N, C-alpha and C. Protein backbone atom coordinates (compact mmCIF):
# COMPACT_ATOMS: atom_id res chain seq x y z
N UNK A 1 -21.64 -29.18 -50.68
CA UNK A 1 -22.45 -27.88 -50.37
C UNK A 1 -23.00 -27.60 -49.09
N UNK A 2 -23.90 -28.69 -48.75
CA UNK A 2 -24.65 -28.45 -47.29
C UNK A 2 -23.70 -28.09 -45.99
N UNK A 3 -22.32 -28.98 -46.23
CA UNK A 3 -21.35 -29.41 -45.30
C UNK A 3 -20.82 -27.89 -45.11
N UNK A 4 -20.15 -27.08 -46.26
CA UNK A 4 -19.76 -26.16 -46.37
C UNK A 4 -20.38 -25.21 -45.80
N UNK A 5 -21.61 -24.97 -45.74
CA UNK A 5 -22.73 -23.66 -45.48
C UNK A 5 -22.66 -24.05 -43.70
N UNK A 6 -22.50 -25.67 -43.55
CA UNK A 6 -22.95 -25.74 -41.96
C UNK A 6 -21.45 -25.12 -41.18
N UNK A 7 -20.35 -25.58 -41.61
CA UNK A 7 -19.04 -24.96 -41.10
C UNK A 7 -18.52 -23.74 -41.56
N UNK A 8 -19.26 -22.76 -42.42
CA UNK A 8 -19.45 -21.56 -42.23
C UNK A 8 -20.07 -20.96 -41.34
N UNK A 9 -21.66 -21.57 -41.14
CA UNK A 9 -22.53 -20.95 -39.99
C UNK A 9 -21.80 -21.26 -38.64
N UNK A 10 -21.25 -22.51 -38.37
CA UNK A 10 -20.96 -22.60 -37.41
C UNK A 10 -19.53 -21.80 -36.97
N UNK A 11 -19.11 -21.44 -37.40
CA UNK A 11 -17.52 -20.80 -37.58
C UNK A 11 -17.91 -19.05 -37.35
N UNK A 12 -19.00 -19.07 -38.25
CA UNK A 12 -19.41 -17.27 -37.86
C UNK A 12 -20.20 -17.57 -36.58
N UNK A 13 -20.74 -18.30 -35.97
CA UNK A 13 -21.72 -18.40 -34.76
C UNK A 13 -20.52 -18.65 -33.63
N UNK A 14 -19.55 -18.95 -33.86
CA UNK A 14 -18.10 -18.67 -33.06
C UNK A 14 -17.84 -17.75 -33.00
N UNK A 15 -17.12 -17.05 -34.05
CA UNK A 15 -16.86 -15.60 -34.12
C UNK A 15 -18.15 -14.49 -33.49
N UNK A 16 -18.93 -14.84 -33.75
CA UNK A 16 -19.99 -13.58 -33.20
C UNK A 16 -19.94 -14.03 -31.50
N UNK A 17 -20.13 -15.30 -31.08
CA UNK A 17 -19.90 -15.75 -29.75
C UNK A 17 -18.64 -15.05 -29.01
N UNK A 18 -17.53 -15.20 -29.76
CA UNK A 18 -15.91 -14.72 -29.01
C UNK A 18 -16.20 -13.18 -29.16
N UNK A 19 -16.62 -12.52 -30.22
CA UNK A 19 -16.40 -11.08 -29.92
C UNK A 19 -17.34 -10.49 -28.95
N UNK A 20 -18.87 -10.93 -28.80
CA UNK A 20 -20.01 -11.02 -27.77
C UNK A 20 -19.10 -10.56 -26.39
N UNK A 21 -18.39 -12.15 -26.26
CA UNK A 21 -17.67 -12.04 -24.78
C UNK A 21 -16.71 -11.37 -24.79
N UNK A 22 -15.75 -10.75 -25.74
CA UNK A 22 -14.69 -10.03 -25.53
C UNK A 22 -15.14 -9.01 -25.15
N UNK A 23 -16.34 -8.14 -25.82
CA UNK A 23 -16.70 -6.73 -25.76
C UNK A 23 -17.52 -6.83 -24.35
N UNK A 24 -18.43 -7.77 -23.83
CA UNK A 24 -19.27 -7.52 -23.27
C UNK A 24 -18.79 -8.25 -21.68
N UNK A 25 -18.08 -9.53 -21.78
CA UNK A 25 -17.74 -10.53 -20.87
C UNK A 25 -16.57 -10.23 -20.19
N UNK A 26 -15.29 -9.83 -20.71
CA UNK A 26 -14.10 -10.04 -20.83
C UNK A 26 -13.63 -9.23 -19.75
N UNK A 27 -14.17 -7.68 -19.81
CA UNK A 27 -14.11 -6.37 -18.99
C UNK A 27 -12.99 -5.96 -19.28
N UNK A 28 -12.50 -5.61 -20.67
CA UNK A 28 -11.36 -5.00 -21.45
C UNK A 28 -12.41 -3.87 -21.74
N UNK A 29 -13.53 -3.93 -22.14
CA UNK A 29 -13.97 -2.52 -22.73
C UNK A 29 -15.24 -2.13 -21.62
N UNK A 30 -16.08 -3.23 -21.08
CA UNK A 30 -16.94 -2.52 -20.16
C UNK A 30 -16.97 -3.79 -19.11
N UNK A 31 -17.35 -3.30 -17.97
CA UNK A 31 -17.08 -4.11 -16.86
C UNK A 31 -18.73 -4.24 -16.04
N UNK A 32 -19.06 -4.56 -15.04
CA UNK A 32 -20.47 -4.50 -14.66
C UNK A 32 -20.30 -3.70 -13.33
N UNK A 33 -21.27 -3.25 -13.03
CA UNK A 33 -21.83 -2.39 -11.65
C UNK A 33 -20.87 -2.24 -10.90
N UNK A 34 -21.22 -3.67 -10.41
CA UNK A 34 -20.53 -4.33 -8.75
C UNK A 34 -19.18 -4.35 -9.20
N UNK A 35 -18.99 -4.91 -10.36
CA UNK A 35 -16.86 -4.90 -10.34
C UNK A 35 -16.17 -3.63 -10.26
N UNK A 36 -17.41 -2.52 -10.35
CA UNK A 36 -16.86 -1.39 -10.16
C UNK A 36 -16.65 -0.63 -8.87
N UNK A 37 -17.17 -1.46 -7.84
CA UNK A 37 -17.37 -0.73 -6.50
C UNK A 37 -16.44 -0.34 -6.12
N UNK A 38 -15.06 -1.20 -6.22
CA UNK A 38 -13.82 -0.49 -5.51
C UNK A 38 -13.49 0.48 -5.97
N UNK A 39 -13.49 0.74 -7.46
CA UNK A 39 -13.13 1.88 -7.81
C UNK A 39 -14.01 3.09 -7.28
N UNK A 40 -15.33 3.23 -7.56
CA UNK A 40 -16.26 3.97 -6.96
C UNK A 40 -15.83 4.29 -5.46
N UNK A 41 -15.66 3.39 -4.78
CA UNK A 41 -15.22 3.77 -3.39
C UNK A 41 -13.88 4.63 -3.40
N UNK A 42 -13.06 4.13 -3.90
CA UNK A 42 -11.44 4.88 -4.11
C UNK A 42 -11.88 6.58 -4.97
N UNK A 43 -13.12 6.47 -5.67
CA UNK A 43 -13.50 7.80 -6.34
C UNK A 43 -13.73 8.60 -5.30
N UNK A 44 -14.71 8.31 -4.05
CA UNK A 44 -15.14 8.83 -3.51
C UNK A 44 -13.88 9.36 -2.18
N UNK A 45 -13.13 8.32 -1.75
CA UNK A 45 -12.17 8.94 -0.77
C UNK A 45 -11.20 9.98 -1.46
N UNK A 46 -11.00 9.76 -2.83
CA UNK A 46 -10.40 11.44 -3.09
C UNK A 46 -11.15 12.07 -3.19
N UNK A 47 -12.14 12.05 -3.26
CA UNK A 47 -13.45 13.35 -3.29
C UNK A 47 -13.55 13.88 -1.75
N UNK A 48 -13.59 12.81 -0.82
CA UNK A 48 -13.58 13.42 0.37
C UNK A 48 -12.13 14.29 0.81
N UNK A 49 -10.73 13.89 0.23
CA UNK A 49 -9.74 14.14 0.44
C UNK A 49 -9.26 15.64 -0.16
N UNK A 50 -10.17 16.29 -1.19
CA UNK A 50 -9.86 17.19 -2.08
C UNK A 50 -10.71 18.42 -1.41
N UNK A 51 -10.33 19.28 -1.25
CA UNK A 51 -11.40 20.53 -0.48
C UNK A 51 -11.48 21.65 -1.46
N UNK A 52 -12.55 22.59 -1.06
CA UNK A 52 -12.42 23.83 -2.05
C UNK A 52 -11.34 24.60 -1.40
N UNK A 53 -10.37 25.31 -2.00
CA UNK A 53 -9.26 26.07 -1.82
C UNK A 53 -8.11 25.42 -1.90
N UNK A 54 -7.94 23.85 -2.16
CA UNK A 54 -6.68 23.43 -2.50
C UNK A 54 -6.14 23.92 -3.87
N UNK A 55 -4.81 23.65 -3.34
CA UNK A 55 -4.09 23.62 -5.14
C UNK A 55 -4.10 22.88 -5.71
N UNK A 56 -3.45 23.03 -7.14
CA UNK A 56 -3.16 21.51 -8.15
C UNK A 56 -2.47 20.55 -7.10
N UNK A 57 -1.12 20.92 -6.47
CA UNK A 57 -0.51 20.09 -5.93
C UNK A 57 -1.11 18.89 -4.85
N UNK A 58 -2.14 19.46 -4.06
CA UNK A 58 -2.69 19.14 -2.78
C UNK A 58 -3.61 17.99 -3.90
N UNK A 59 -4.74 18.46 -4.57
CA UNK A 59 -5.14 17.63 -5.36
C UNK A 59 -4.54 16.60 -6.06
N UNK A 60 -3.35 16.67 -6.77
CA UNK A 60 -2.73 15.78 -7.29
C UNK A 60 -2.29 14.61 -6.60
N UNK A 61 -1.73 15.10 -5.13
CA UNK A 61 -1.33 14.53 -3.90
C UNK A 61 -2.59 13.01 -3.61
N UNK A 62 -3.77 13.87 -3.39
CA UNK A 62 -5.00 12.91 -2.86
C UNK A 62 -5.08 12.41 -4.04
N UNK A 63 -4.90 12.46 -5.53
CA UNK A 63 -5.29 11.22 -6.31
C UNK A 63 -4.26 10.22 -6.20
N UNK A 64 -2.79 10.37 -6.40
CA UNK A 64 -1.79 9.29 -6.02
C UNK A 64 -1.93 8.80 -4.76
N UNK A 65 -2.61 9.30 -3.63
CA UNK A 65 -2.28 8.43 -2.55
C UNK A 65 -3.61 7.59 -2.45
N UNK A 66 -4.79 7.93 -3.17
CA UNK A 66 -5.98 7.25 -2.84
C UNK A 66 -6.55 6.53 -4.12
N UNK A 67 -5.90 6.83 -5.12
CA UNK A 67 -6.49 6.26 -6.40
C UNK A 67 -6.13 4.82 -6.52
N UNK A 68 -7.40 3.96 -6.76
CA UNK A 68 -7.16 2.66 -7.14
C UNK A 68 -6.29 2.46 -8.33
N UNK A 69 -5.85 1.05 -9.01
CA UNK A 69 -4.97 1.09 -9.96
C UNK A 69 -5.89 1.36 -11.53
N UNK A 70 -7.36 0.86 -11.34
CA UNK A 70 -8.30 1.24 -12.64
C UNK A 70 -8.42 2.80 -12.68
N UNK A 71 -8.21 3.59 -11.71
CA UNK A 71 -8.71 5.19 -11.70
C UNK A 71 -7.73 5.59 -12.77
N UNK A 72 -8.24 6.92 -13.87
CA UNK A 72 -7.30 7.53 -14.70
C UNK A 72 -7.79 8.93 -14.13
N UNK A 73 -6.58 9.64 -13.86
CA UNK A 73 -6.42 11.31 -14.18
C UNK A 73 -6.63 11.86 -15.58
N UNK A 74 -7.52 12.68 -15.85
CA UNK A 74 -7.51 13.47 -16.79
C UNK A 74 -6.98 15.10 -16.73
N UNK A 75 -6.05 15.36 -16.64
CA UNK A 75 -5.74 16.81 -15.93
C UNK A 75 -5.43 17.35 -17.57
N UNK A 76 -5.71 17.46 -19.09
CA UNK A 76 -5.69 17.95 -19.71
C UNK A 76 -6.20 19.69 -19.97
N UNK A 77 -6.71 20.27 -18.53
CA UNK A 77 -7.12 21.62 -18.67
C UNK A 77 -6.90 22.01 -17.55
N UNK A 78 -6.25 23.24 -17.13
CA UNK A 78 -5.78 23.55 -15.66
C UNK A 78 -7.12 24.11 -15.03
N UNK A 79 -8.64 23.96 -15.80
CA UNK A 79 -9.58 24.43 -15.02
C UNK A 79 -10.62 23.08 -14.64
N UNK A 80 -10.51 22.17 -15.24
CA UNK A 80 -11.29 21.19 -14.91
C UNK A 80 -10.29 19.66 -14.87
N UNK A 81 -10.44 19.10 -14.12
CA UNK A 81 -9.51 17.70 -14.02
C UNK A 81 -10.55 16.52 -13.69
N UNK A 82 -10.73 15.61 -14.74
CA UNK A 82 -11.57 14.42 -14.25
C UNK A 82 -10.91 13.18 -13.62
N UNK A 83 -11.34 12.55 -12.86
CA UNK A 83 -11.22 11.41 -12.70
C UNK A 83 -12.25 10.03 -13.11
N UNK A 84 -12.05 9.54 -13.74
CA UNK A 84 -12.45 8.40 -14.25
C UNK A 84 -12.18 6.81 -13.88
N UNK A 85 -13.44 6.24 -13.87
CA UNK A 85 -12.85 4.57 -14.16
C UNK A 85 -13.70 3.75 -15.21
N UNK A 86 -13.03 2.70 -14.98
CA UNK A 86 -13.52 1.85 -16.39
C UNK A 86 -14.91 2.00 -16.86
N UNK A 87 -15.25 1.86 -18.12
CA UNK A 87 -16.44 1.88 -18.27
C UNK A 87 -17.55 0.92 -18.28
N UNK A 88 -18.56 1.51 -18.05
CA UNK A 88 -19.96 0.37 -17.37
C UNK A 88 -21.06 0.22 -18.77
N UNK A 89 -21.36 -1.07 -18.76
CA UNK A 89 -22.61 -1.31 -19.56
C UNK A 89 -23.85 -0.17 -19.15
N UNK A 90 -24.36 0.86 -20.01
CA UNK A 90 -25.45 1.79 -19.26
C UNK A 90 -24.88 3.06 -19.01
N UNK A 91 -23.59 3.51 -19.31
CA UNK A 91 -22.97 4.58 -18.92
C UNK A 91 -23.26 4.69 -17.41
N UNK A 92 -23.56 3.58 -16.45
CA UNK A 92 -23.49 4.31 -14.85
C UNK A 92 -22.10 4.47 -14.20
N UNK A 93 -21.04 4.23 -14.82
CA UNK A 93 -19.42 4.00 -14.19
C UNK A 93 -19.80 5.87 -13.89
N UNK A 94 -18.87 6.31 -12.89
CA UNK A 94 -18.89 7.73 -12.06
C UNK A 94 -17.70 8.27 -12.52
N UNK A 95 -17.59 9.58 -12.65
CA UNK A 95 -16.56 10.27 -13.10
C UNK A 95 -16.46 11.43 -11.73
N UNK A 96 -15.32 11.85 -11.44
CA UNK A 96 -15.13 13.07 -10.44
C UNK A 96 -14.48 13.90 -11.25
N UNK A 97 -15.36 15.35 -11.30
CA UNK A 97 -14.84 16.29 -12.02
C UNK A 97 -14.26 17.53 -10.43
N UNK A 98 -13.10 17.51 -10.40
CA UNK A 98 -12.31 18.74 -9.92
C UNK A 98 -12.55 19.85 -10.82
N UNK A 99 -12.93 20.99 -10.27
CA UNK A 99 -13.01 22.68 -10.79
C UNK A 99 -11.91 23.53 -10.17
N UNK A 100 -11.34 24.07 -10.93
CA UNK A 100 -10.00 25.22 -10.33
C UNK A 100 -10.54 26.22 -10.98
N UNK A 101 -10.23 27.50 -10.37
CA UNK A 101 -10.32 28.86 -10.36
C UNK A 101 -9.15 29.37 -9.80
N UNK A 102 -8.24 30.41 -10.56
CA UNK A 102 -6.94 30.84 -10.33
C UNK A 102 -6.29 29.77 -9.56
N UNK A 103 -6.03 28.61 -10.08
CA UNK A 103 -5.30 27.63 -9.35
C UNK A 103 -5.65 27.07 -7.77
N UNK A 104 -6.85 27.08 -7.68
CA UNK A 104 -7.25 26.72 -6.49
C UNK A 104 -8.57 25.77 -6.55
N UNK A 105 -8.99 24.90 -6.15
CA UNK A 105 -10.41 24.03 -6.08
C UNK A 105 -11.36 25.02 -5.63
N UNK A 106 -12.51 25.15 -6.93
CA UNK A 106 -13.68 25.65 -6.94
C UNK A 106 -14.65 24.69 -6.64
N UNK A 107 -14.58 23.73 -7.08
CA UNK A 107 -16.08 22.68 -6.88
C UNK A 107 -15.13 21.42 -7.12
N UNK A 108 -16.08 20.52 -6.38
CA UNK A 108 -15.63 19.07 -6.53
C UNK A 108 -16.96 18.13 -6.85
N UNK A 109 -17.60 17.42 -8.00
CA UNK A 109 -18.53 16.90 -8.46
C UNK A 109 -18.51 15.33 -9.05
N UNK A 110 -19.39 14.93 -8.63
CA UNK A 110 -19.67 13.16 -9.20
C UNK A 110 -20.67 13.50 -9.93
N UNK A 111 -20.35 12.72 -11.02
CA UNK A 111 -21.51 12.42 -12.25
C UNK A 111 -20.92 11.10 -12.55
N UNK A 112 -22.24 10.97 -13.58
CA UNK A 112 -21.93 9.48 -14.57
C UNK A 112 -21.30 10.02 -15.79
N UNK A 113 -20.68 8.86 -16.43
CA UNK A 113 -19.98 9.44 -17.61
C UNK A 113 -21.13 10.19 -18.56
N UNK A 114 -22.19 9.54 -18.87
CA UNK A 114 -23.47 10.58 -19.60
C UNK A 114 -23.64 11.60 -18.96
N UNK A 115 -23.19 12.31 -17.92
CA UNK A 115 -23.61 13.58 -17.31
C UNK A 115 -24.39 13.63 -15.82
N UNK A 116 -25.57 13.10 -15.83
CA UNK A 116 -26.13 13.11 -14.67
C UNK A 116 -25.67 12.74 -13.32
N UNK A 117 -25.86 13.42 -12.17
CA UNK A 117 -25.96 13.43 -10.80
C UNK A 117 -26.09 11.75 -10.38
N UNK A 118 -25.38 10.83 -9.85
CA UNK A 118 -25.87 9.64 -9.73
C UNK A 118 -26.81 9.83 -8.04
N UNK A 119 -27.84 8.85 -8.21
CA UNK A 119 -28.58 9.13 -7.01
C UNK A 119 -27.97 8.84 -5.99
N UNK A 120 -26.81 7.96 -5.78
CA UNK A 120 -26.23 7.28 -4.64
C UNK A 120 -24.67 8.20 -4.43
N UNK A 121 -24.80 8.83 -5.30
CA UNK A 121 -23.37 10.21 -4.79
C UNK A 121 -23.69 10.93 -4.12
N UNK A 122 -22.41 11.09 -3.36
CA UNK A 122 -22.33 12.64 -2.59
C UNK A 122 -22.89 13.89 -3.48
N UNK A 123 -23.52 15.36 -2.42
CA UNK A 123 -23.92 16.06 -3.47
C UNK A 123 -22.15 16.96 -3.54
N UNK A 124 -22.58 17.79 -4.34
CA UNK A 124 -21.46 18.48 -4.92
C UNK A 124 -20.88 19.51 -4.16
N UNK A 125 -19.72 19.47 -3.75
CA UNK A 125 -19.01 20.88 -3.02
C UNK A 125 -18.55 21.90 -3.62
N UNK A 126 -18.74 22.88 -3.31
CA UNK A 126 -18.30 24.36 -4.05
C UNK A 126 -19.53 24.54 -4.95
N UNK A 127 -18.99 25.48 -5.79
CA UNK A 127 -20.22 26.19 -7.00
C UNK A 127 -19.64 25.62 -8.31
């Protein structure tokens, strides 16, 4: 009976360790802030190439030319596009929001995934 409990305990410990590594260590669901540095740099390059007054095509071209392989564009609305990077623990990953009015870029903003403006991000462009 003790041997069976010991085996179940060890197996349970291995399962907890494996799933903890899978979620927090593998990078499949969360990555560290430092591992996202190249994505952050790519996101800022895209931000610098999108200007107020640009159309959809120009903004999309900037994304396709400058995006790293891990950046994702969500263009589900004609008013707001979001360029996001892989999630970081603590929601410190950045999201680039491109706002459109009448088919033209009206604002470009960088936020963390939970909403606030990152302290080390550039200021908003436009309104």
